[in-house]
PDB file of N, CA and C in Angstrom:
ATOM      1  N   MET A   1      -2.640 -62.578   7.769  1.00  0.00           N
ATOM      2  CA  MET A   1      -2.232 -63.019   6.579  1.00  0.00           C
ATOM      3  C   MET A   1      -1.152 -62.306   6.069  1.00  0.00           C
ATOM      4  N   VAL A   2      -0.016 -62.828   5.672  1.00  0.00           N
ATOM      5  CA  VAL A   2       1.298 -62.234   5.332  1.00  0.00           C
ATOM      6  C   VAL A   2       1.234 -61.841   3.845  1.00  0.00           C
ATOM      7  N   SER A   3       1.292 -60.640   3.259  1.00  0.00           N
ATOM      8  CA  SER A   3       1.110 -60.417   1.958  1.00  0.00           C
ATOM      9  C   SER A   3       2.735 -60.493   1.316  1.00  0.00           C
ATOM     10  N   THR A   4       2.870 -60.763   0.064  1.00  0.00           N
ATOM     11  CA  THR A   4       4.300 -60.738  -0.561  1.00  0.00           C
ATOM     12  C   THR A   4       4.487 -59.346  -1.291  1.00  0.00           C
ATOM     13  N   ASN A   5       3.213 -58.664  -1.287  1.00  0.00           N
ATOM     14  CA  ASN A   5       3.401 -57.379  -2.287  1.00  0.00           C
ATOM     15  C   ASN A   5       3.496 -56.089  -1.126  1.00  0.00           C
ATOM     16  N   ASN A   6       2.897 -56.320  -0.040  1.00  0.00           N
ATOM     17  CA  ASN A   6       2.851 -55.132   0.973  1.00  0.00           C
ATOM     18  C   ASN A   6       3.481 -55.481   2.221  1.00  0.00           C
ATOM     19  N   ALA A   7       4.273 -54.533   2.526  1.00  0.00           N
ATOM     20  CA  ALA A   7       5.343 -54.840   3.757  1.00  0.00           C
ATOM     21  C   ALA A   7       4.447 -54.808   4.839  1.00  0.00           C
ATOM     22  N   ASP A   8       4.597 -55.700   6.074  1.00  0.00           N
ATOM     23  CA  ASP A   8       3.671 -55.359   7.431  1.00  0.00           C
ATOM     24  C   ASP A   8       4.863 -54.704   8.359  1.00  0.00           C
ATOM     25  N   TRP A   9       4.982 -53.423   8.326  1.00  0.00           N
ATOM     26  CA  TRP A   9       5.892 -52.815   9.123  1.00  0.00           C
ATOM     27  C   TRP A   9       5.406 -53.028  10.731  1.00  0.00           C
ATOM     28  N   GLY A  10       4.340 -53.391  10.814  1.00  0.00           N
ATOM     29  CA  GLY A  10       3.480 -53.768  12.211  1.00  0.00           C
ATOM     30  C   GLY A  10       4.548 -54.588  13.091  1.00  0.00           C
ATOM     31  N   ARG A  11       5.262 -55.560  12.202  1.00  0.00           N
ATOM     32  CA  ARG A  11       5.904 -56.828  12.911  1.00  0.00           C
ATOM     33  C   ARG A  11       7.380 -56.062  13.661  1.00  0.00           C
ATOM     34  N   GLU A  12       7.811 -54.838  13.146  1.00  0.00           N
ATOM     35  CA  GLU A  12       8.747 -54.286  13.761  1.00  0.00           C
ATOM     36  C   GLU A  12       8.549 -53.514  14.928  1.00  0.00           C
ATOM     37  N   THR A  13       7.170 -53.292  15.034  1.00  0.00           N
ATOM     38  CA  THR A  13       6.994 -52.160  16.331  1.00  0.00           C
ATOM     39  C   THR A  13       7.133 -53.136  17.489  1.00  0.00           C
ATOM     40  N   PRO A  14       7.830 -52.072  18.696  1.00  0.00           N
ATOM     41  CA  PRO A  14       8.231 -52.924  19.933  1.00  0.00           C
ATOM     42  C   PRO A  14       6.649 -53.269  20.559  1.00  0.00           C
ATOM     43  N   ARG A  15       6.686 -54.236  21.092  1.00  0.00           N
ATOM     44  CA  ARG A  15       5.344 -54.758  21.861  1.00  0.00           C
ATOM     45  C   ARG A  15       5.473 -54.692  23.344  1.00  0.00           C
ATOM     46  N   GLN A  16       6.623 -54.703  23.641  1.00  0.00           N
ATOM     47  CA  GLN A  16       6.714 -54.816  25.256  1.00  0.00           C
ATOM     48  C   GLN A  16       8.209 -53.665  25.571  1.00  0.00           C
ATOM     49  N   PHE A  17       8.425 -53.688  26.943  1.00  0.00           N
ATOM     50  CA  PHE A  17       9.639 -53.187  27.125  1.00  0.00           C
ATOM     51  C   PHE A  17      10.805 -53.964  26.588  1.00  0.00           C
ATOM     52  N   TRP A  18      11.092 -55.335  26.734  1.00  0.00           N
ATOM     53  CA  TRP A  18      12.106 -55.990  26.563  1.00  0.00           C
ATOM     54  C   TRP A  18      11.796 -56.781  25.323  1.00  0.00           C
ATOM     55  N   GLY A  19      12.296 -56.191  24.071  1.00  0.00           N
ATOM     56  CA  GLY A  19      12.301 -56.674  22.589  1.00  0.00           C
ATOM     57  C   GLY A  19      13.460 -56.195  21.736  1.00  0.00           C
ATOM     58  N   PRO A  20      14.616 -56.551  22.197  1.00  0.00           N
ATOM     59  CA  PRO A  20      15.800 -56.413  21.690  1.00  0.00           C
ATOM     60  C   PRO A  20      15.940 -55.895  20.107  1.00  0.00           C
ATOM     61  N   SER A  21      15.519 -56.920  19.198  1.00  0.00           N
ATOM     62  CA  SER A  21      15.652 -56.913  18.066  1.00  0.00           C
ATOM     63  C   SER A  21      14.744 -55.929  17.595  1.00  0.00           C
ATOM     64  N   ARG A  22      13.453 -55.697  18.068  1.00  0.00           N
ATOM     65  CA  ARG A  22      12.826 -54.744  17.531  1.00  0.00           C
ATOM     66  C   ARG A  22      13.055 -53.305  17.908  1.00  0.00           C
ATOM     67  N   LYS A  23      13.622 -53.290  18.988  1.00  0.00           N
ATOM     68  CA  LYS A  23      14.205 -51.897  19.850  1.00  0.00           C
ATOM     69  C   LYS A  23      15.327 -51.467  18.760  1.00  0.00           C
ATOM     70  N   LEU A  24      16.125 -52.481  18.350  1.00  0.00           N
ATOM     71  CA  LEU A  24      17.315 -52.187  17.667  1.00  0.00           C
ATOM     72  C   LEU A  24      16.996 -51.689  16.009  1.00  0.00           C
ATOM     73  N   LEU A  25      15.936 -52.228  15.490  1.00  0.00           N
ATOM     74  CA  LEU A  25      15.344 -51.858  14.360  1.00  0.00           C
ATOM     75  C   LEU A  25      14.695 -50.274  14.481  1.00  0.00           C
ATOM     76  N   LYS A  26      14.019 -50.132  15.563  1.00  0.00           N
ATOM     77  CA  LYS A  26      13.591 -48.775  15.711  1.00  0.00           C
ATOM     78  C   LYS A  26      14.494 -47.639  15.776  1.00  0.00           C
ATOM     79  N   SER A  27      15.748 -48.132  16.568  1.00  0.00           N
ATOM     80  CA  SER A  27      16.525 -47.235  16.626  1.00  0.00           C
ATOM     81  C   SER A  27      17.181 -46.708  15.381  1.00  0.00           C
ATOM     82  N   ILE A  28      17.528 -47.699  14.299  1.00  0.00           N
ATOM     83  CA  ILE A  28      18.004 -47.583  13.336  1.00  0.00           C
ATOM     84  C   ILE A  28      16.974 -46.689  12.544  1.00  0.00           C
ATOM     85  N   ARG A  29      15.756 -47.081  12.217  1.00  0.00           N
ATOM     86  CA  ARG A  29      14.822 -46.340  11.679  1.00  0.00           C
ATOM     87  C   ARG A  29      14.444 -44.828  12.032  1.00  0.00           C
ATOM     88  N   ASP A  30      14.585 -44.517  13.452  1.00  0.00           N
ATOM     89  CA  ASP A  30      14.563 -43.326  14.214  1.00  0.00           C
ATOM     90  C   ASP A  30      15.967 -42.474  13.679  1.00  0.00           C
ATOM     91  N   TYR A  31      16.962 -42.972  13.885  1.00  0.00           N
ATOM     92  CA  TYR A  31      18.170 -42.380  13.484  1.00  0.00           C
ATOM     93  C   TYR A  31      18.158 -41.583  11.769  1.00  0.00           C
ATOM     94  N   GLN A  32      17.723 -42.878  10.896  1.00  0.00           N
ATOM     95  CA  GLN A  32      17.679 -42.294   9.847  1.00  0.00           C
ATOM     96  C   GLN A  32      16.596 -41.493   9.560  1.00  0.00           C
ATOM     97  N   ARG A  33      15.614 -41.443   9.975  1.00  0.00           N
ATOM     98  CA  ARG A  33      14.588 -40.197   9.866  1.00  0.00           C
ATOM     99  C   ARG A  33      15.004 -39.161  10.527  1.00  0.00           C
ATOM    100  N   PHE A  34      15.832 -38.886  11.592  1.00  0.00           N
ATOM    101  CA  PHE A  34      16.154 -37.683  11.941  1.00  0.00           C
ATOM    102  C   PHE A  34      17.518 -36.937  11.288  1.00  0.00           C
ATOM    103  N   LYS A  35      18.095 -37.774  10.661  1.00  0.00           N
ATOM    104  CA  LYS A  35      19.096 -37.488   9.941  1.00  0.00           C
ATOM    105  C   LYS A  35      19.132 -36.783   8.491  1.00  0.00           C
ATOM    106  N   LYS A  36      17.768 -36.928   8.096  1.00  0.00           N
ATOM    107  CA  LYS A  36      17.096 -36.304   6.978  1.00  0.00           C
ATOM    108  C   LYS A  36      17.313 -34.507   7.059  1.00  0.00           C
ATOM    109  N   ASN A  37      17.339 -34.099   8.273  1.00  0.00           N
ATOM    110  CA  ASN A  37      17.197 -32.814   8.672  1.00  0.00           C
ATOM    111  C   ASN A  37      18.411 -32.265   9.621  1.00  0.00           C
ATOM    112  N   ASP A  38      18.731 -31.155   9.343  1.00  0.00           N
ATOM    113  CA  ASP A  38      19.801 -30.970  10.131  1.00  0.00           C
ATOM    114  C   ASP A  38      19.621 -29.702  11.244  1.00  0.00           C
ATOM    115  N   ARG A  39      18.255 -29.701  11.310  1.00  0.00           N
ATOM    116  CA  ARG A  39      17.928 -28.795  12.568  1.00  0.00           C
ATOM    117  C   ARG A  39      18.442 -29.337  13.953  1.00  0.00           C
ATOM    118  N   LEU A  40      18.634 -28.182  14.953  1.00  0.00           N
ATOM    119  CA  LEU A  40      19.048 -28.599  16.352  1.00  0.00           C
ATOM    120  C   LEU A  40      18.491 -29.820  16.720  1.00  0.00           C
ATOM    121  N   LEU A  41      17.261 -29.808  16.952  1.00  0.00           N
ATOM    122  CA  LEU A  41      16.693 -30.741  17.721  1.00  0.00           C
ATOM    123  C   LEU A  41      16.685 -32.287  17.022  1.00  0.00           C
ATOM    124  N   ASN A  42      16.903 -32.140  15.748  1.00  0.00           N
ATOM    125  CA  ASN A  42      17.037 -33.586  14.860  1.00  0.00           C
ATOM    126  C   ASN A  42      18.395 -34.218  15.104  1.00  0.00           C
ATOM    127  N   VAL A  43      19.359 -33.044  15.189  1.00  0.00           N
ATOM    128  CA  VAL A  43      20.767 -33.535  15.506  1.00  0.00           C
ATOM    129  C   VAL A  43      20.822 -34.042  16.838  1.00  0.00           C
ATOM    130  N   LEU A  44      20.346 -33.466  17.989  1.00  0.00           N
ATOM    131  CA  LEU A  44      20.442 -34.172  19.507  1.00  0.00           C
ATOM    132  C   LEU A  44      19.669 -35.417  19.271  1.00  0.00           C
ATOM    133  N   LEU A  45      18.559 -35.436  18.880  1.00  0.00           N
ATOM    134  CA  LEU A  45      17.794 -36.857  18.766  1.00  0.00           C
ATOM    135  C   LEU A  45      18.467 -37.817  17.979  1.00  0.00           C
ATOM    136  N   SER A  46      19.446 -37.497  16.636  1.00  0.00           N
ATOM    137  CA  SER A  46      19.800 -38.685  16.123  1.00  0.00           C
ATOM    138  C   SER A  46      21.140 -38.947  17.111  1.00  0.00           C
ATOM    139  N   LYS A  47      21.673 -38.025  18.044  1.00  0.00           N
ATOM    140  CA  LYS A  47      22.643 -38.740  18.983  1.00  0.00           C
ATOM    141  C   LYS A  47      22.080 -39.499  19.857  1.00  0.00           C
ATOM    142  N   PHE A  48      21.141 -39.073  20.383  1.00  0.00           N
ATOM    143  CA  PHE A  48      20.397 -40.316  21.258  1.00  0.00           C
ATOM    144  C   PHE A  48      19.973 -41.401  20.692  1.00  0.00           C
ATOM    145  N   CYS A  49      19.562 -41.548  19.748  1.00  0.00           N
ATOM    146  CA  CYS A  49      19.490 -42.983  18.701  1.00  0.00           C
ATOM    147  C   CYS A  49      20.865 -43.559  18.741  1.00  0.00           C
ATOM    148  N   ILE A  50      21.993 -42.922  18.336  1.00  0.00           N
ATOM    149  CA  ILE A  50      23.178 -43.375  18.402  1.00  0.00           C
ATOM    150  C   ILE A  50      23.233 -44.414  19.777  1.00  0.00           C
ATOM    151  N   ILE A  51      23.094 -43.538  21.017  1.00  0.00           N
ATOM    152  CA  ILE A  51      23.333 -44.391  22.147  1.00  0.00           C
ATOM    153  C   ILE A  51      22.499 -45.667  22.249  1.00  0.00           C
ATOM    154  N   ARG A  52      21.113 -45.392  22.020  1.00  0.00           N
ATOM    155  CA  ARG A  52      19.953 -46.406  21.886  1.00  0.00           C
ATOM    156  C   ARG A  52      20.449 -47.753  20.837  1.00  0.00           C
ATOM    157  N   HIS A  53      21.222 -47.338  19.768  1.00  0.00           N
ATOM    158  CA  HIS A  53      21.826 -48.242  18.866  1.00  0.00           C
ATOM    159  C   HIS A  53      22.780 -49.220  19.467  1.00  0.00           C
ATOM    160  N   LEU A  54      23.876 -48.399  20.079  1.00  0.00           N
ATOM    161  CA  LEU A  54      24.937 -48.962  20.640  1.00  0.00           C
ATOM    162  C   LEU A  54      24.227 -49.835  21.783  1.00  0.00           C
ATOM    163  N   PHE A  55      23.544 -49.575  22.609  1.00  0.00           N
ATOM    164  CA  PHE A  55      23.025 -50.366  23.640  1.00  0.00           C
ATOM    165  C   PHE A  55      22.218 -51.635  23.146  1.00  0.00           C
ATOM    166  N   TRP A  56      21.287 -51.307  22.162  1.00  0.00           N
ATOM    167  CA  TRP A  56      20.628 -52.587  21.975  1.00  0.00           C
ATOM    168  C   TRP A  56      21.393 -53.401  20.690  1.00  0.00           C
ATOM    169  N   SER A  57      22.188 -52.848  20.294  1.00  0.00           N
ATOM    170  CA  SER A  57      23.403 -53.819  19.739  1.00  0.00           C
ATOM    171  C   SER A  57      24.113 -54.761  20.616  1.00  0.00           C
ATOM    172  N   ALA A  58      24.583 -54.314  21.474  1.00  0.00           N
ATOM    173  CA  ALA A  58      25.098 -55.256  22.612  1.00  0.00           C
ATOM    174  C   ALA A  58      24.256 -55.948  23.332  1.00  0.00           C
ATOM    175  N   VAL A  59      22.954 -55.764  23.501  1.00  0.00           N
ATOM    176  CA  VAL A  59      22.226 -56.672  24.201  1.00  0.00           C
ATOM    177  C   VAL A  59      21.668 -57.466  22.955  1.00  0.00           C
ATOM    178  N   SER A  60      21.503 -57.318  21.761  1.00  0.00           N
ATOM    179  CA  SER A  60      20.993 -58.282  20.904  1.00  0.00           C
ATOM    180  C   SER A  60      22.384 -58.912  20.224  1.00  0.00           C
ATOM    181  N   GLY A  61      23.468 -58.531  20.207  1.00  0.00           N
ATOM    182  CA  GLY A  61      24.416 -59.313  19.652  1.00  0.00           C
ATOM    183  C   GLY A  61      24.308 -59.117  18.186  1.00  0.00           C
ATOM    184  N   ALA A  62      23.564 -58.171  17.641  1.00  0.00           N
ATOM    185  CA  ALA A  62      23.687 -57.958  15.930  1.00  0.00           C
ATOM    186  C   ALA A  62      24.536 -56.902  15.840  1.00  0.00           C
ATOM    187  N   ASP A  63      25.070 -56.994  14.624  1.00  0.00           N
ATOM    188  CA  ASP A  63      26.086 -55.855  14.058  1.00  0.00           C
ATOM    189  C   ASP A  63      25.324 -55.171  12.765  1.00  0.00           C
ATOM    190  N   ILE A  64      24.603 -54.293  12.985  1.00  0.00           N
ATOM    191  CA  ILE A  64      23.810 -53.587  11.742  1.00  0.00           C
ATOM    192  C   ILE A  64      24.390 -52.026  11.866  1.00  0.00           C
ATOM    193  N   PRO A  65      24.982 -51.654  10.772  1.00  0.00           N
ATOM    194  CA  PRO A  65      25.257 -50.306  10.721  1.00  0.00           C
ATOM    195  C   PRO A  65      23.863 -49.366  10.795  1.00  0.00           C
ATOM    196  N   LEU A  66      24.236 -48.252  11.151  1.00  0.00           N
ATOM    197  CA  LEU A  66      22.902 -47.157  11.237  1.00  0.00           C
ATOM    198  C   LEU A  66      22.652 -46.698   9.946  1.00  0.00           C
ATOM    199  N   ASN A  67      23.627 -46.795   9.016  1.00  0.00           N
ATOM    200  CA  ASN A  67      22.985 -46.303   7.624  1.00  0.00           C
ATOM    201  C   ASN A  67      22.625 -47.291   6.727  1.00  0.00           C
ATOM    202  N   SER A  68      22.363 -48.608   7.266  1.00  0.00           N
ATOM    203  CA  SER A  68      21.921 -49.498   6.266  1.00  0.00           C
ATOM    204  C   SER A  68      20.623 -49.603   6.002  1.00  0.00           C
ATOM    205  N   LYS A  69      20.137 -49.868   4.865  1.00  0.00           N
ATOM    206  CA  LYS A  69      18.707 -49.963   4.307  1.00  0.00           C
ATOM    207  C   LYS A  69      18.272 -51.256   4.755  1.00  0.00           C
ATOM    208  N   ILE A  70      17.376 -51.574   5.703  1.00  0.00           N
ATOM    209  CA  ILE A  70      16.946 -52.854   6.019  1.00  0.00           C
ATOM    210  C   ILE A  70      15.400 -53.282   5.127  1.00  0.00           C
ATOM    211  N   SER A  71      15.572 -54.135   4.394  1.00  0.00           N
ATOM    212  CA  SER A  71      13.990 -54.614   3.884  1.00  0.00           C
ATOM    213  C   SER A  71      14.060 -56.215   3.870  1.00  0.00           C
ATOM    214  N   GLY A  72      13.786 -56.787   2.605  1.00  0.00           N
ATOM    215  CA  GLY A  72      13.450 -58.150   2.645  1.00  0.00           C
ATOM    216  C   GLY A  72      14.410 -59.291   3.371  1.00  0.00           C
ATOM    217  N   ILE A  73      14.472 -59.383   4.570  1.00  0.00           N
ATOM    218  CA  ILE A  73      15.211 -60.492   5.137  1.00  0.00           C
ATOM    219  C   ILE A  73      14.573 -61.320   5.863  1.00  0.00           C
ATOM    220  N   GLY A  74      14.320 -62.670   5.444  1.00  0.00           N
ATOM    221  CA  GLY A  74      13.588 -63.692   6.317  1.00  0.00           C
ATOM    222  C   GLY A  74      14.059 -63.986   7.909  1.00  0.00           C
ATOM    223  N   ALA A  75      13.218 -64.424   8.608  1.00  0.00           N
ATOM    224  CA  ALA A  75      13.490 -64.759   9.855  1.00  0.00           C
ATOM    225  C   ALA A  75      14.679 -65.627  10.128  1.00  0.00           C
ATOM    226  N   ASN A  76      15.342 -65.116  10.827  1.00  0.00           N
ATOM    227  CA  ASN A  76      16.802 -65.885  11.486  1.00  0.00           C
ATOM    228  C   ASN A  76      17.775 -66.068  10.183  1.00  0.00           C
ATOM    229  N   ALA A  77      17.515 -65.275   9.396  1.00  0.00           N
ATOM    230  CA  ALA A  77      18.672 -65.577   8.127  1.00  0.00           C
ATOM    231  C   ALA A  77      19.913 -65.009   8.591  1.00  0.00           C
ATOM    232  N   VAL A  78      21.191 -65.448   8.231  1.00  0.00           N
ATOM    233  CA  VAL A  78      22.343 -64.922   8.699  1.00  0.00           C
ATOM    234  C   VAL A  78      23.109 -64.216   7.080  1.00  0.00           C
ATOM    235  N   VAL A  79      23.178 -62.864   7.205  1.00  0.00           N
ATOM    236  CA  VAL A  79      23.423 -62.238   5.974  1.00  0.00           C
ATOM    237  C   VAL A  79      24.867 -62.097   6.241  1.00  0.00           C
ATOM    238  N   THR A  80      25.734 -62.561   5.431  1.00  0.00           N
ATOM    239  CA  THR A  80      27.404 -62.167   5.494  1.00  0.00           C
ATOM    240  C   THR A  80      27.980 -61.695   4.808  1.00  0.00           C
ATOM    241  N   LYS A  81      27.021 -61.140   3.484  1.00  0.00           N
ATOM    242  CA  LYS A  81      27.805 -60.325   2.451  1.00  0.00           C
ATOM    243  C   LYS A  81      26.826 -59.254   2.052  1.00  0.00           C
ATOM    244  N   ASP A  82      27.378 -58.202   1.459  1.00  0.00           N
ATOM    245  CA  ASP A  82      25.964 -57.233   0.669  1.00  0.00           C
ATOM    246  C   ASP A  82      25.099 -58.141  -0.338  1.00  0.00           C
ATOM    247  N   VAL A  83      23.729 -57.571   0.005  1.00  0.00           N
ATOM    248  CA  VAL A  83      22.830 -58.023  -0.962  1.00  0.00           C
ATOM    249  C   VAL A  83      22.316 -56.824  -1.985  1.00  0.00           C
ATOM    250  N   GLY A  84      21.766 -57.273  -2.859  1.00  0.00           N
ATOM    251  CA  GLY A  84      21.669 -55.886  -4.019  1.00  0.00           C
ATOM    252  C   GLY A  84      20.230 -55.612  -3.764  1.00  0.00           C
ATOM    253  N   ARG A  85      20.082 -54.329  -4.484  1.00  0.00           N
ATOM    254  CA  ARG A  85      18.751 -53.834  -4.148  1.00  0.00           C
ATOM    255  C   ARG A  85      17.556 -54.701  -4.519  1.00  0.00           C
ATOM    256  N   TYR A  86      16.322 -54.543  -3.456  1.00  0.00           N
ATOM    257  CA  TYR A  86      15.379 -55.504  -3.735  1.00  0.00           C
ATOM    258  C   TYR A  86      15.169 -56.793  -3.539  1.00  0.00           C
ATOM    259  N   ALA A  87      16.314 -57.321  -3.284  1.00  0.00           N
ATOM    260  CA  ALA A  87      16.544 -58.572  -3.038  1.00  0.00           C
ATOM    261  C   ALA A  87      15.845 -59.025  -1.521  1.00  0.00           C
ATOM    262  N   ILE A  88      15.307 -60.441  -1.746  1.00  0.00           N
ATOM    263  CA  ILE A  88      14.601 -61.139  -0.615  1.00  0.00           C
ATOM    264  C   ILE A  88      15.776 -62.224  -0.257  1.00  0.00           C
ATOM    265  N   VAL A  89      16.143 -62.313   0.722  1.00  0.00           N
ATOM    266  CA  VAL A  89      17.067 -63.302   1.084  1.00  0.00           C
ATOM    267  C   VAL A  89      16.604 -64.017   2.751  1.00  0.00           C
ATOM    268  N   ALA A  90      16.969 -65.370   2.334  1.00  0.00           N
ATOM    269  CA  ALA A  90      16.406 -66.044   3.808  1.00  0.00           C
ATOM    270  C   ALA A  90      17.459 -67.256   3.924  1.00  0.00           C
ATOM    271  N   GLY A  91      17.876 -67.978   5.097  1.00  0.00           N
ATOM    272  CA  GLY A  91      18.673 -68.890   5.218  1.00  0.00           C
ATOM    273  C   GLY A  91      19.794 -68.794   5.977  1.00  0.00           C
ATOM    274  N   VAL A  92      20.621 -69.899   6.213  1.00  0.00           N
ATOM    275  CA  VAL A  92      21.843 -69.873   6.922  1.00  0.00           C
ATOM    276  C   VAL A  92      22.746 -70.203   5.962  1.00  0.00           C
ATOM    277  N   PRO A  93      23.811 -69.639   5.255  1.00  0.00           N
ATOM    278  CA  PRO A  93      23.896 -68.463   5.186  1.00  0.00           C
ATOM    279  C   PRO A  93      22.723 -67.866   4.283  1.00  0.00           C
ATOM    280  N   ALA A  94      22.275 -66.610   4.323  1.00  0.00           N
ATOM    281  CA  ALA A  94      21.420 -65.873   3.532  1.00  0.00           C
ATOM    282  C   ALA A  94      21.569 -66.369   2.120  1.00  0.00           C
ATOM    283  N   LYS A  95      20.554 -66.791   1.508  1.00  0.00           N
ATOM    284  CA  LYS A  95      20.704 -66.672  -0.301  1.00  0.00           C
ATOM    285  C   LYS A  95      19.578 -65.828  -0.905  1.00  0.00           C
ATOM    286  N   VAL A  96      19.828 -65.391  -1.798  1.00  0.00           N
ATOM    287  CA  VAL A  96      18.554 -64.785  -2.535  1.00  0.00           C
ATOM    288  C   VAL A  96      17.604 -65.603  -3.065  1.00  0.00           C
ATOM    289  N   ILE A  97      16.183 -65.353  -2.463  1.00  0.00           N
ATOM    290  CA  ILE A  97      15.113 -66.314  -3.127  1.00  0.00           C
ATOM    291  C   ILE A  97      14.224 -65.517  -3.971  1.00  0.00           C
ATOM    292  N   GLY A  98      14.476 -63.951  -3.989  1.00  0.00           N
ATOM    293  CA  GLY A  98      13.586 -63.384  -5.010  1.00  0.00           C
ATOM    294  C   GLY A  98      13.780 -62.060  -4.962  1.00  0.00           C
ATOM    295  N   TYR A  99      13.186 -61.151  -5.821  1.00  0.00           N
ATOM    296  CA  TYR A  99      13.316 -59.821  -5.923  1.00  0.00           C
ATOM    297  C   TYR A  99      11.657 -59.350  -5.719  1.00  0.00           C
ATOM    298  N   ASN A 100      11.854 -57.725  -5.032  1.00  0.00           N
ATOM    299  CA  ASN A 100      10.446 -57.132  -4.809  1.00  0.00           C
ATOM    300  C   ASN A 100      10.648 -55.602  -5.333  1.00  0.00           C
ATOM    301  N   ASN A 101       9.291 -55.205  -5.824  1.00  0.00           N
ATOM    302  CA  ASN A 101       9.063 -54.211  -6.595  1.00  0.00           C
ATOM    303  C   ASN A 101      10.154 -53.502  -7.812  1.00  0.00           C
ATOM    304  N   THR A 102      10.443 -54.500  -8.660  1.00  0.00           N
ATOM    305  CA  THR A 102      11.211 -54.375  -9.727  1.00  0.00           C
ATOM    306  C   THR A 102      10.846 -54.731 -10.885  1.00  0.00           C
ATOM    307  N   GLY A 103       9.820 -56.135 -10.782  1.00  0.00           N
ATOM    308  CA  GLY A 103       9.452 -56.629 -12.157  1.00  0.00           C
ATOM    309  C   GLY A 103      10.524 -57.789 -12.676  1.00  0.00           C
ATOM    310  N   GLU A 104      11.615 -57.718 -11.907  1.00  0.00           N
ATOM    311  CA  GLU A 104      12.470 -58.753 -12.031  1.00  0.00           C
ATOM    312  C   GLU A 104      12.122 -60.219 -11.760  1.00  0.00           C
ATOM    313  N   ARG A 105      13.100 -60.951 -11.294  1.00  0.00           N
ATOM    314  CA  ARG A 105      12.471 -62.416 -10.940  1.00  0.00           C
ATOM    315  C   ARG A 105      11.771 -61.965  -9.498  1.00  0.00           C
ATOM    316  N   TYR A 106      10.862 -62.997  -9.235  1.00  0.00           N
ATOM    317  CA  TYR A 106       9.975 -63.108  -8.137  1.00  0.00           C
ATOM    318  C   TYR A 106       9.595 -64.322  -7.643  1.00  0.00           C
TER     319      TYR A 106
END
């Protein structure tokens, strides 16, 4: 069952070798994790994440910047402009359908 209150990050986990969209998300999340620390190993691993990001971006045809914060995006949504914090978007083109974790509209 899908919860609207608790994120299910398991859907992002790569399940097989060939999963371009999930591999792209993993490369972005890994890059952001490694950039938090300036140790030599983390710098090298972040460079490797950049190469993975370039590869999976080309394969999947998606253009997602490495420093973007990805959260509530509906399946197959086409996001054409910046989206506010805690917004949940869906559709083609993507429209705000709610907000999460703020107590605002939901």
